[in-house]
């Protein structure tokens, strides 16, 4: 093992050395012609730029530090850097969010680091694939469809707490919230609800998420290589599920409208009328499972964290959820109307999403030169927006580190300041789905337990989702066992 690690290190140093050499050869002999003044900032190290510092502030639990340090040093509106091997302008504040969200496919378009194309090979024409997905998904995420999902979510949630929480004195929260959200996604997206099958499929997902936003060095042992391997494993399993679904649809054992997988199998392209290839469907289902798994599991874990720390908030959520439970007859499942009554609970969840947004930010690509606040933004540059530039900014949220659900009373925060799901045409289409699963989770969690953290000052890491460093171990106190 030591010899293997040494060989990997030597290979990595060789690649970095060659990259440095190419960088200096290129920049000493090439002078770009860019009209106008570029945003203030710095590029950082040759080739890798400031990617390591950008990622490491998250690993240390303070992803906003990278953003706010440069906002203070260079500009609170926009600054220049180099991320994921690309020249990048970081747009900050509500004005930056508004500009990017309002100019989608006019001045900017979606862009993902090259690591995405390696992990999701069929998505290399990202813009086209994104448009295709957004045509397919509304049928499943529109209100009428979501009404139908609430009782299903309730059944899965009850099974989850029965299997994973009840009868235990201590649990590791983040491990179980990941199990919960993945089980729910498997059930609703591909109709898999066997717990053992779900666990078997869930094991590689953490590697995929880490690989997506890693530096794309494809060497043994790197997060990028582990992400590729994990995606290949899941994709192979999904193709097997797709083949079986085709058989079941042909024999009448499955319904054309039962889940997203069936819908994709019947979907024809508007351009050429062709059905999607199995590999393409597998890639898209893989992306949806990641989206439905990582973001909500992080949010649910932080809800547990903050409710443990804030008993007065816990009591208000408990009161609201108890009133809803009393309105139900024994055994009756939750419905859409019940969730619409969980206003304070959703304010609490929103404040969690403000302080620990699962989506830290995303990239865009400049498709034509433009000026922004007097600075030239060249075609081909990458843009990045960060939720933290508003979420933790006292200009928009006074006392930003204070947990205050009342921020979301009435009309809530100012436009373009609360952006846990992005915004504009590329706002997360699963936003309402996430709201439902979080509220159903909160209902059963708080109706069943009180709890306390076993590590009082447990640090937070962001890689790429925020999570408690030790998984948030807690001691459970079932309500029926309390004095």
Protein backbone atom coordinates (compact mmCIF):
# COMPACT_ATOMS: atom_id res chain seq x y z
CA UNK A 1 0.00 0.00 0.00
CA UNK A 2 2.85 2.42 0.85
CA UNK A 3 4.49 1.73 -2.50
CA UNK A 4 1.19 2.35 -4.30
CA UNK A 5 0.68 5.69 -2.51
CA UNK A 6 4.27 6.70 -3.30
CA UNK A 7 3.80 5.90 -6.99
CA UNK A 8 0.56 7.91 -7.06
CA UNK A 9 2.29 10.86 -5.44
CA UNK A 10 5.16 10.75 -7.93
CA UNK A 11 2.64 10.65 -10.81
CA UNK A 12 0.74 13.60 -9.37
CA UNK A 13 3.91 15.66 -8.95
CA UNK A 14 4.90 14.83 -12.53
CA UNK A 15 1.52 16.02 -13.85
CA UNK A 16 1.74 19.23 -11.82
CA UNK A 17 5.30 19.83 -13.01
CA UNK A 18 4.33 19.41 -16.65
CA UNK A 19 1.30 21.68 -16.12
CA UNK A 20 3.49 24.43 -14.62
CA UNK A 21 5.88 24.20 -17.56
CA UNK A 22 3.09 24.45 -20.13
CA UNK A 23 1.55 27.33 -18.22
CA UNK A 24 4.70 29.43 -18.26
CA UNK A 25 5.45 28.59 -21.91
CA UNK A 26 1.95 29.68 -22.85
CA UNK A 27 1.78 32.89 -20.86
CA UNK A 28 5.28 34.11 -21.67
CA UNK A 29 4.61 33.78 -25.39
CA UNK A 30 0.95 34.72 -25.57
CA UNK A 31 -0.65 38.06 -24.68
CA UNK A 32 -4.44 37.98 -24.72
CA UNK A 33 -6.27 40.90 -26.28
CA UNK A 34 -9.10 41.83 -23.97
CA UNK A 35 -10.90 45.14 -24.41
CA UNK A 36 -11.70 47.07 -21.25
CA UNK A 37 -10.72 46.70 -17.62
CA UNK A 38 -11.06 43.25 -16.08
CA UNK A 39 -12.60 42.85 -12.62
CA UNK A 40 -10.09 43.20 -9.76
CA UNK A 41 -8.67 40.00 -8.32
CA UNK A 42 -5.91 37.46 -8.82
CA UNK A 43 -5.43 34.20 -10.67
CA UNK A 44 -3.49 32.39 -7.97
CA UNK A 45 -1.20 29.47 -8.79
CA UNK A 46 -0.35 28.55 -12.38
CA UNK A 47 -2.96 26.25 -13.95
CA UNK A 48 -4.80 25.31 -10.75
CA UNK A 49 -5.44 28.96 -9.84
CA UNK A 50 -7.22 29.35 -6.51
CA UNK A 51 -9.11 26.05 -6.70
CA UNK A 52 -7.33 24.54 -3.69
CA UNK A 53 -8.08 27.56 -1.49
CA UNK A 54 -11.67 27.67 -2.78
CA UNK A 55 -12.20 24.02 -1.83
CA UNK A 56 -10.17 24.08 1.38
CA UNK A 57 -12.24 26.84 3.00
CA UNK A 58 -15.18 24.45 2.64
CA UNK A 59 -13.20 21.54 4.06
CA UNK A 60 -12.48 23.76 7.09
CA UNK A 61 -16.18 24.55 7.48
CA UNK A 62 -16.19 28.18 6.30
CA UNK A 63 -16.90 28.22 2.53
CA UNK A 64 -18.02 31.84 2.76
CA UNK A 65 -14.49 32.90 3.79
CA UNK A 66 -13.17 32.54 0.23
CA UNK A 67 -15.96 34.81 -1.02
CA UNK A 68 -15.98 37.45 1.71
CA UNK A 69 -12.19 37.80 1.89
CA UNK A 70 -12.12 38.72 -1.80
CA UNK A 71 -15.24 40.88 -1.64
CA UNK A 72 -13.47 42.92 1.06
CA UNK A 73 -10.12 43.04 -0.75
CA UNK A 74 -11.23 43.55 -4.35
CA UNK A 75 -14.91 44.42 -4.79
CA UNK A 76 -18.25 43.60 -3.11
CA UNK A 77 -19.83 43.31 -6.57
CA UNK A 78 -17.50 41.14 -8.69
CA UNK A 79 -13.96 39.82 -8.50
CA UNK A 80 -11.66 37.78 -10.72
CA UNK A 81 -10.07 34.43 -9.87
CA UNK A 82 -9.25 31.06 -11.45
CA UNK A 83 -11.38 28.06 -10.43
CA UNK A 84 -11.49 24.53 -11.81
CA UNK A 85 -8.73 25.45 -14.30
CA UNK A 86 -10.82 28.30 -15.74
CA UNK A 87 -10.65 32.12 -15.68
CA UNK A 88 -13.61 32.99 -13.48
CA UNK A 89 -15.51 36.09 -12.40
CA UNK A 90 -17.43 35.70 -9.13
CA UNK A 91 -20.65 37.75 -9.07
CA UNK A 92 -21.70 38.78 -5.56
CA UNK A 93 -24.72 40.12 -3.74
CA UNK A 94 -28.34 40.40 -4.82
CA UNK A 95 -27.38 42.48 -7.87
CA UNK A 96 -25.03 39.73 -9.06
CA UNK A 97 -27.69 37.07 -8.55
CA UNK A 98 -30.31 39.15 -10.36
CA UNK A 99 -27.99 39.83 -13.31
CA UNK A 100 -27.04 36.18 -13.80
CA UNK A 101 -30.52 34.76 -13.28
CA UNK A 102 -32.02 37.36 -15.65
CA UNK A 103 -29.51 36.83 -18.46
CA UNK A 104 -29.63 33.05 -18.79
CA UNK A 105 -29.14 32.09 -22.46
CA UNK A 106 -28.72 35.79 -23.34
CA UNK A 107 -25.28 36.65 -21.98
CA UNK A 108 -24.53 33.45 -20.05
CA UNK A 109 -25.35 29.78 -20.23
CA UNK A 110 -25.00 26.75 -17.98
CA UNK A 111 -21.50 25.40 -17.51
CA UNK A 112 -20.08 22.57 -15.47
CA UNK A 113 -16.43 21.74 -14.72
CA UNK A 114 -14.83 19.11 -16.97
CA UNK A 115 -15.22 16.62 -14.13
CA UNK A 116 -18.97 16.58 -14.86
CA UNK A 117 -18.48 15.42 -18.45
CA UNK A 118 -16.23 12.59 -17.30
CA UNK A 119 -18.67 11.42 -14.63
CA UNK A 120 -21.76 11.97 -16.84
CA UNK A 121 -20.45 11.27 -20.38
CA UNK A 122 -23.80 11.52 -22.16
CA UNK A 123 -24.24 15.10 -20.90
CA UNK A 124 -21.36 16.60 -22.89
CA UNK A 125 -23.74 18.86 -24.80
CA UNK A 126 -24.78 20.32 -21.46
CA UNK A 127 -27.05 23.10 -22.70
CA UNK A 128 -29.08 20.79 -24.95
CA UNK A 129 -29.36 18.12 -22.27
CA UNK A 130 -30.43 20.65 -19.66
CA UNK A 131 -33.20 21.94 -21.95
CA UNK A 132 -34.34 18.36 -22.63
CA UNK A 133 -34.50 17.58 -18.91
CA UNK A 134 -36.50 20.70 -18.15
CA UNK A 135 -39.09 19.68 -20.74
CA UNK A 136 -39.50 16.27 -19.12
CA UNK A 137 -39.50 17.11 -15.43
CA UNK A 138 -42.47 19.49 -15.03
CA UNK A 139 -44.94 16.59 -15.36
CA UNK A 140 -43.49 15.14 -12.16
CA UNK A 141 -42.76 18.27 -10.18
CA UNK A 142 -45.92 20.24 -10.92
CA UNK A 143 -48.40 20.63 -8.02
CA UNK A 144 -50.90 18.01 -9.24
CA UNK A 145 -48.20 15.33 -9.33
CA UNK A 146 -46.70 16.41 -6.01
CA UNK A 147 -50.13 16.07 -4.34
CA UNK A 148 -49.96 12.39 -5.25
CA UNK A 149 -46.48 11.96 -3.78
CA UNK A 150 -47.26 13.20 -0.26
CA UNK A 151 -48.89 9.97 1.03
CA UNK A 152 -46.07 7.94 -0.59
CA UNK A 153 -43.50 10.15 1.15
CA UNK A 154 -45.39 9.68 4.42
CA UNK A 155 -45.35 5.87 4.14
CA UNK A 156 -41.63 5.73 3.31
CA UNK A 157 -40.83 8.18 6.11
CA UNK A 158 -42.71 6.12 8.67
CA UNK A 159 -40.90 2.97 7.54
CA UNK A 160 -37.58 4.81 7.75
CA UNK A 161 -38.09 5.89 11.35
CA UNK A 162 -39.36 2.44 12.33
CA UNK A 163 -36.35 0.69 10.77
CA UNK A 164 -33.57 3.17 11.52
CA UNK A 165 -34.45 5.29 14.59
CA UNK A 166 -36.92 3.57 16.88
CA UNK A 167 -35.54 1.38 19.63
CA UNK A 168 -32.10 3.02 19.52
CA UNK A 169 -30.47 5.18 22.17
CA UNK A 170 -27.94 6.77 19.83
CA UNK A 171 -27.80 7.32 16.09
CA UNK A 172 -25.51 9.10 13.62
CA UNK A 173 -27.87 11.59 12.01
CA UNK A 174 -26.28 12.34 8.65
CA UNK A 175 -25.86 8.68 7.77
CA UNK A 176 -29.58 8.12 8.38
CA UNK A 177 -30.80 11.26 6.60
CA UNK A 178 -28.83 10.15 3.53
CA UNK A 179 -30.50 6.75 3.74
CA UNK A 180 -33.90 8.43 4.05
CA UNK A 181 -33.66 10.83 1.11
CA UNK A 182 -32.10 8.20 -1.14
CA UNK A 183 -34.83 5.68 -0.31
CA UNK A 184 -37.45 8.31 -1.10
CA UNK A 185 -35.78 9.21 -4.41
CA UNK A 186 -35.50 5.54 -5.39
CA UNK A 187 -39.19 5.00 -4.67
CA UNK A 188 -40.50 8.06 -6.48
CA UNK A 189 -38.05 8.14 -9.40
CA UNK A 190 -37.62 4.42 -10.19
CA UNK A 191 -40.15 2.61 -7.92
CA UNK A 192 -37.54 0.82 -5.81
CA UNK A 193 -38.49 0.65 -2.13
CA UNK A 194 -36.78 -2.48 -0.83
CA UNK A 195 -34.49 -1.17 1.98
CA UNK A 196 -31.67 -3.61 1.23
CA UNK A 197 -31.70 -2.82 -2.47
CA UNK A 198 -31.72 0.90 -1.68
CA UNK A 199 -28.73 0.56 0.69
CA UNK A 200 -26.79 -1.43 -1.92
CA UNK A 201 -27.29 1.34 -4.48
CA UNK A 202 -26.59 4.19 -2.04
CA UNK A 203 -23.04 3.18 -1.04
CA UNK A 204 -21.18 4.81 -4.00
CA UNK A 205 -23.12 8.08 -4.03
CA UNK A 206 -20.89 9.98 -1.66
CA UNK A 207 -17.94 9.37 -3.97
CA UNK A 208 -19.88 10.73 -6.94
CA UNK A 209 -20.77 13.97 -5.15
CA UNK A 210 -17.17 14.52 -4.04
CA UNK A 211 -15.85 13.76 -7.53
CA UNK A 212 -18.16 16.22 -9.26
CA UNK A 213 -16.53 19.28 -7.67
CA UNK A 214 -13.02 17.91 -7.32
CA UNK A 215 -9.95 18.98 -9.28
CA UNK A 216 -10.14 16.73 -12.39
CA UNK A 217 -6.92 14.76 -11.88
CA UNK A 218 -7.69 11.24 -13.07
CA UNK A 219 -5.21 9.21 -11.00
CA UNK A 220 -5.80 6.22 -8.71
CA UNK A 221 -6.98 7.26 -5.26
CA UNK A 222 -8.08 10.77 -6.22
CA UNK A 223 -11.68 11.92 -5.48
CA UNK A 224 -12.13 12.39 -9.23
CA UNK A 225 -11.24 8.77 -10.07
CA UNK A 226 -13.42 7.48 -7.22
CA UNK A 227 -16.30 9.57 -8.57
CA UNK A 228 -15.90 8.11 -12.08
CA UNK A 229 -15.76 4.55 -10.76
CA UNK A 230 -18.80 5.06 -8.52
CA UNK A 231 -20.83 6.58 -11.39
CA UNK A 232 -19.94 3.66 -13.66
CA UNK A 233 -21.09 1.20 -11.00
CA UNK A 234 -24.45 2.93 -10.43
CA UNK A 235 -25.00 3.43 -14.17
CA UNK A 236 -24.55 -0.30 -14.80
CA UNK A 237 -27.13 -1.07 -12.12
CA UNK A 238 -29.56 1.47 -13.55
CA UNK A 239 -29.28 0.04 -17.06
CA UNK A 240 -30.29 -3.32 -15.61
CA UNK A 241 -33.30 -1.68 -13.96
CA UNK A 242 -34.19 0.06 -17.25
CA UNK A 243 -34.09 -3.21 -19.21
CA UNK A 244 -36.36 -4.90 -16.65
CA UNK A 245 -38.76 -1.94 -16.72
CA UNK A 246 -39.10 -2.28 -20.49
CA UNK A 247 -40.09 -5.92 -20.01
CA UNK A 248 -42.57 -5.02 -17.26
CA UNK A 249 -44.12 -2.25 -19.36
CA UNK A 250 -44.53 -4.66 -22.27
CA UNK A 251 -46.26 -7.23 -20.08
CA UNK A 252 -48.44 -4.72 -18.23
CA UNK A 253 -46.71 -5.21 -14.87
CA UNK A 254 -45.60 -1.56 -14.84
CA UNK A 255 -47.45 1.65 -15.64
CA UNK A 256 -46.32 4.26 -18.19
CA UNK A 257 -47.04 7.00 -15.62
CA UNK A 258 -45.83 5.40 -12.38
CA UNK A 259 -42.51 7.28 -12.08
CA UNK A 260 -39.88 9.35 -13.88
CA UNK A 261 -38.20 6.26 -15.32
CA UNK A 262 -41.35 5.14 -17.14
CA UNK A 263 -41.90 8.65 -18.45
CA UNK A 264 -38.35 8.79 -19.84
CA UNK A 265 -38.83 5.48 -21.63
CA UNK A 266 -41.86 6.92 -23.45
CA UNK A 267 -40.35 10.35 -24.07
CA UNK A 268 -39.66 11.30 -27.71
CA UNK A 269 -37.35 14.16 -28.67
CA UNK A 270 -39.10 17.19 -30.18
CA UNK A 271 -36.23 17.52 -32.67
CA UNK A 272 -36.12 14.05 -34.24
CA UNK A 273 -38.93 12.08 -32.57
CA UNK A 274 -36.50 9.45 -31.28
CA UNK A 275 -36.68 7.67 -27.95
CA UNK A 276 -33.86 8.19 -25.48
CA UNK A 277 -31.06 5.64 -25.35
CA UNK A 278 -30.76 3.44 -22.27
CA UNK A 279 -27.36 4.89 -21.38
CA UNK A 280 -28.74 8.43 -21.67
CA UNK A 281 -31.69 7.58 -19.41
CA UNK A 282 -29.35 6.00 -16.88
CA UNK A 283 -27.21 9.16 -16.78
CA UNK A 284 -30.25 11.36 -16.23
CA UNK A 285 -31.70 9.14 -13.52
CA UNK A 286 -28.26 9.12 -11.90
CA UNK A 287 -28.23 12.92 -11.87
CA UNK A 288 -31.73 13.08 -10.40
CA UNK A 289 -30.84 10.57 -7.68
CA UNK A 290 -27.82 12.67 -6.75
CA UNK A 291 -29.93 15.83 -6.66
CA UNK A 292 -32.69 14.15 -4.67
CA UNK A 293 -30.23 12.51 -2.31
CA UNK A 294 -27.47 14.93 -1.36
CA UNK A 295 -29.21 18.27 -1.00
CA UNK A 296 -32.20 17.20 1.10
CA UNK A 297 -30.14 14.85 3.28
CA UNK A 298 -27.86 17.74 4.21
CA UNK A 299 -30.84 19.98 4.99
CA UNK A 300 -32.51 17.32 7.16
CA UNK A 301 -29.30 16.74 9.13
CA UNK A 302 -28.92 20.46 9.86
CA UNK A 303 -32.56 20.68 10.93
CA UNK A 304 -31.74 18.04 13.55
CA UNK A 305 -28.66 20.04 14.58
CA UNK A 306 -30.41 23.38 15.03
CA UNK A 307 -33.48 21.94 16.76
CA UNK A 308 -31.14 20.26 19.26
CA UNK A 309 -29.43 23.59 19.93
CA UNK A 310 -32.57 25.75 20.09
CA UNK A 311 -35.21 24.30 22.45
CA UNK A 312 -37.52 27.30 22.03
CA UNK A 313 -37.61 26.70 18.26
CA UNK A 314 -38.12 22.96 18.82
CA UNK A 315 -41.13 23.67 21.09
CA UNK A 316 -42.82 25.85 18.46
CA UNK A 317 -42.31 23.24 15.73
CA UNK A 318 -43.56 20.51 18.07
CA UNK A 319 -46.70 22.51 18.86
CA UNK A 320 -47.45 23.09 15.16
CA UNK A 321 -46.89 19.46 14.21
CA UNK A 322 -48.93 18.18 17.18
CA UNK A 323 -51.92 20.25 16.11
CA UNK A 324 -51.72 18.76 12.62
CA UNK A 325 -51.42 15.22 14.04
CA UNK A 326 -54.49 15.76 16.25
CA UNK A 327 -56.54 16.67 13.17
CA UNK A 328 -55.88 13.23 11.66
CA UNK A 329 -57.69 9.97 12.42
CA UNK A 330 -55.42 7.08 13.52
CA UNK A 331 -53.52 5.67 10.55
CA UNK A 332 -54.46 8.51 8.20
CA UNK A 333 -51.56 9.62 6.00
CA UNK A 334 -50.42 13.20 5.55
CA UNK A 335 -51.76 15.10 2.55
CA UNK A 336 -51.04 18.32 0.68
CA UNK A 337 -53.33 20.38 2.91
CA UNK A 338 -51.49 19.20 6.03
CA UNK A 339 -48.17 20.36 4.63
CA UNK A 340 -49.63 23.75 3.71
CA UNK A 341 -50.33 24.27 7.45
CA UNK A 342 -46.66 23.77 8.40
CA UNK A 343 -45.77 27.44 8.02
CA UNK A 344 -43.52 27.85 11.05
CA UNK A 345 -41.82 24.52 10.34
CA UNK A 346 -40.98 25.69 6.83
CA UNK A 347 -39.66 29.00 8.18
CA UNK A 348 -37.32 26.93 10.37
CA UNK A 349 -36.26 24.81 7.40
CA UNK A 350 -35.70 27.95 5.32
CA UNK A 351 -33.45 29.44 7.99
CA UNK A 352 -31.48 26.18 7.97
CA UNK A 353 -31.16 26.46 4.19
CA UNK A 354 -29.94 30.03 4.60
CA UNK A 355 -27.22 29.14 7.09
CA UNK A 356 -26.20 25.82 5.50
CA UNK A 357 -27.31 25.92 1.84
CA UNK A 358 -26.76 22.51 0.19
CA UNK A 359 -26.20 24.33 -3.12
CA UNK A 360 -23.19 26.53 -2.40
CA UNK A 361 -23.38 28.13 -5.84
CA UNK A 362 -23.02 27.19 -9.50
CA UNK A 363 -21.09 28.14 -12.62
CA UNK A 364 -22.12 29.87 -15.84
CA UNK A 365 -20.22 30.47 -19.10
CA UNK A 366 -20.08 33.83 -20.85
CA UNK A 367 -21.43 33.49 -24.41
CA UNK A 368 -20.76 37.08 -25.53
CA UNK A 369 -18.58 39.93 -24.23
CA UNK A 370 -20.40 42.29 -21.89
CA UNK A 371 -19.74 45.04 -19.34
CA UNK A 372 -20.70 44.70 -15.69
CA UNK A 373 -20.32 47.64 -13.27
CA UNK A 374 -17.61 49.11 -15.49
CA UNK A 375 -15.67 45.87 -15.88
CA UNK A 376 -15.18 43.86 -19.06
CA UNK A 377 -16.37 40.23 -18.86
CA UNK A 378 -14.90 38.37 -21.87
CA UNK A 379 -16.63 35.67 -23.87
CA UNK A 380 -15.52 32.21 -22.75
CA UNK A 381 -14.90 33.19 -19.13
CA UNK A 382 -16.70 31.25 -16.45
CA UNK A 383 -18.89 32.96 -13.88
CA UNK A 384 -19.68 31.76 -10.39
CA UNK A 385 -22.36 32.89 -7.96
CA UNK A 386 -22.34 31.99 -4.29
CA UNK A 387 -25.36 31.69 -2.02
CA UNK A 388 -23.17 32.86 0.86
CA UNK A 389 -22.59 36.30 -0.68
CA UNK A 390 -26.16 37.13 0.33
CA UNK A 391 -27.16 34.46 2.88
CA UNK A 392 -24.43 35.45 5.34
CA UNK A 393 -24.22 39.10 4.41
CA UNK A 394 -25.44 41.55 7.09
CA UNK A 395 -26.55 43.91 4.33
CA UNK A 396 -29.37 41.47 3.53
CA UNK A 397 -29.73 39.46 6.75
CA UNK A 398 -28.96 41.44 9.94
CA UNK A 399 -26.98 39.37 12.48
CA UNK A 400 -26.43 36.75 9.76
CA UNK A 401 -25.10 34.06 12.14
CA UNK A 402 -28.21 34.26 14.35
CA UNK A 403 -30.88 31.58 13.79
CA UNK A 404 -34.10 33.53 13.28
CA UNK A 405 -37.06 31.87 11.48
CA UNK A 406 -39.02 35.14 11.64
CA UNK A 407 -36.93 36.38 8.71
CA UNK A 408 -39.36 34.42 6.54
CA UNK A 409 -42.60 35.83 7.96
CA UNK A 410 -44.77 37.91 5.64
CA UNK A 411 -43.13 38.50 2.27
CA UNK A 412 -39.84 37.09 3.51
CA UNK A 413 -36.36 38.19 2.37
CA UNK A 414 -35.78 40.68 -0.43
CA UNK A 415 -35.70 39.26 -3.98
CA UNK A 416 -32.47 37.56 -5.08
CA UNK A 417 -31.10 37.33 -1.52
CA UNK A 418 -32.40 33.90 -0.45
CA UNK A 419 -31.26 31.52 -3.17
CA UNK A 420 -30.79 27.96 -1.80
CA UNK A 421 -32.34 26.56 -5.00
CA UNK A 422 -30.75 29.00 -7.45
CA UNK A 423 -32.96 31.29 -9.50
CA UNK A 424 -34.18 32.29 -12.93
CA UNK A 425 -34.79 29.73 -15.69
CA UNK A 426 -32.32 27.34 -14.02
CA UNK A 427 -33.91 27.35 -10.58
CA UNK A 428 -33.90 23.80 -9.25
CA UNK A 429 -37.02 22.10 -10.67
CA UNK A 430 -37.17 19.86 -7.60
CA UNK A 431 -37.55 22.78 -5.17
CA UNK A 432 -41.13 21.90 -4.23
CA UNK A 433 -40.31 18.19 -4.04
CA UNK A 434 -37.54 19.02 -1.55
CA UNK A 435 -39.93 21.14 0.51
CA UNK A 436 -42.37 18.24 0.82
CA UNK A 437 -39.81 15.63 1.84
CA UNK A 438 -38.23 17.97 4.40
CA UNK A 439 -41.60 18.77 6.00
CA UNK A 440 -42.70 15.13 6.12
CA UNK A 441 -39.35 14.27 7.73
CA UNK A 442 -39.78 17.06 10.31
CA UNK A 443 -43.31 15.94 11.15
CA UNK A 444 -42.33 12.39 12.09
CA UNK A 445 -38.98 13.33 13.62
CA UNK A 446 -40.41 15.84 16.07
CA UNK A 447 -43.54 13.84 16.85
CA UNK A 448 -41.41 10.85 17.88
CA UNK A 449 -38.34 12.29 19.60
CA UNK A 450 -36.45 14.89 21.51
CA UNK A 451 -32.69 14.56 21.27
CA UNK A 452 -29.34 15.99 22.30
CA UNK A 453 -26.04 16.32 20.45
CA UNK A 454 -23.26 14.05 21.65
CA UNK A 455 -20.52 16.37 20.29
CA UNK A 456 -21.47 19.88 21.49
CA UNK A 457 -19.14 21.85 19.18
CA UNK A 458 -18.94 19.46 16.25
CA UNK A 459 -17.31 21.24 13.28
CA UNK A 460 -18.93 21.51 9.85
CA UNK A 461 -17.24 20.51 6.60
CA UNK A 462 -18.33 21.30 3.05
CA UNK A 463 -17.30 18.69 0.45
CA UNK A 464 -19.26 19.62 -1.65
CA UNK A 465 -22.38 19.56 0.55
CA UNK A 466 -22.25 20.92 4.10
CA UNK A 467 -22.27 18.14 6.69
CA UNK A 468 -21.33 17.67 10.35
CA UNK A 469 -17.72 16.44 10.52
CA UNK A 470 -18.62 13.36 12.58
CA UNK A 471 -22.08 12.86 11.09
CA UNK A 472 -23.94 14.50 14.02
CA UNK A 473 -24.28 11.69 16.59
CA UNK A 474 -27.25 12.28 18.89
CA UNK A 475 -28.93 10.64 21.88
CA UNK A 476 -32.64 9.98 21.35
CA UNK A 477 -35.42 10.47 23.89
CA UNK A 478 -38.68 8.99 22.54
CA UNK A 479 -41.70 11.04 23.61
CA UNK A 480 -43.54 7.99 24.96
CA UNK A 481 -40.55 7.22 27.21
CA UNK A 482 -40.27 10.66 28.74
CA UNK A 483 -41.55 11.53 32.18
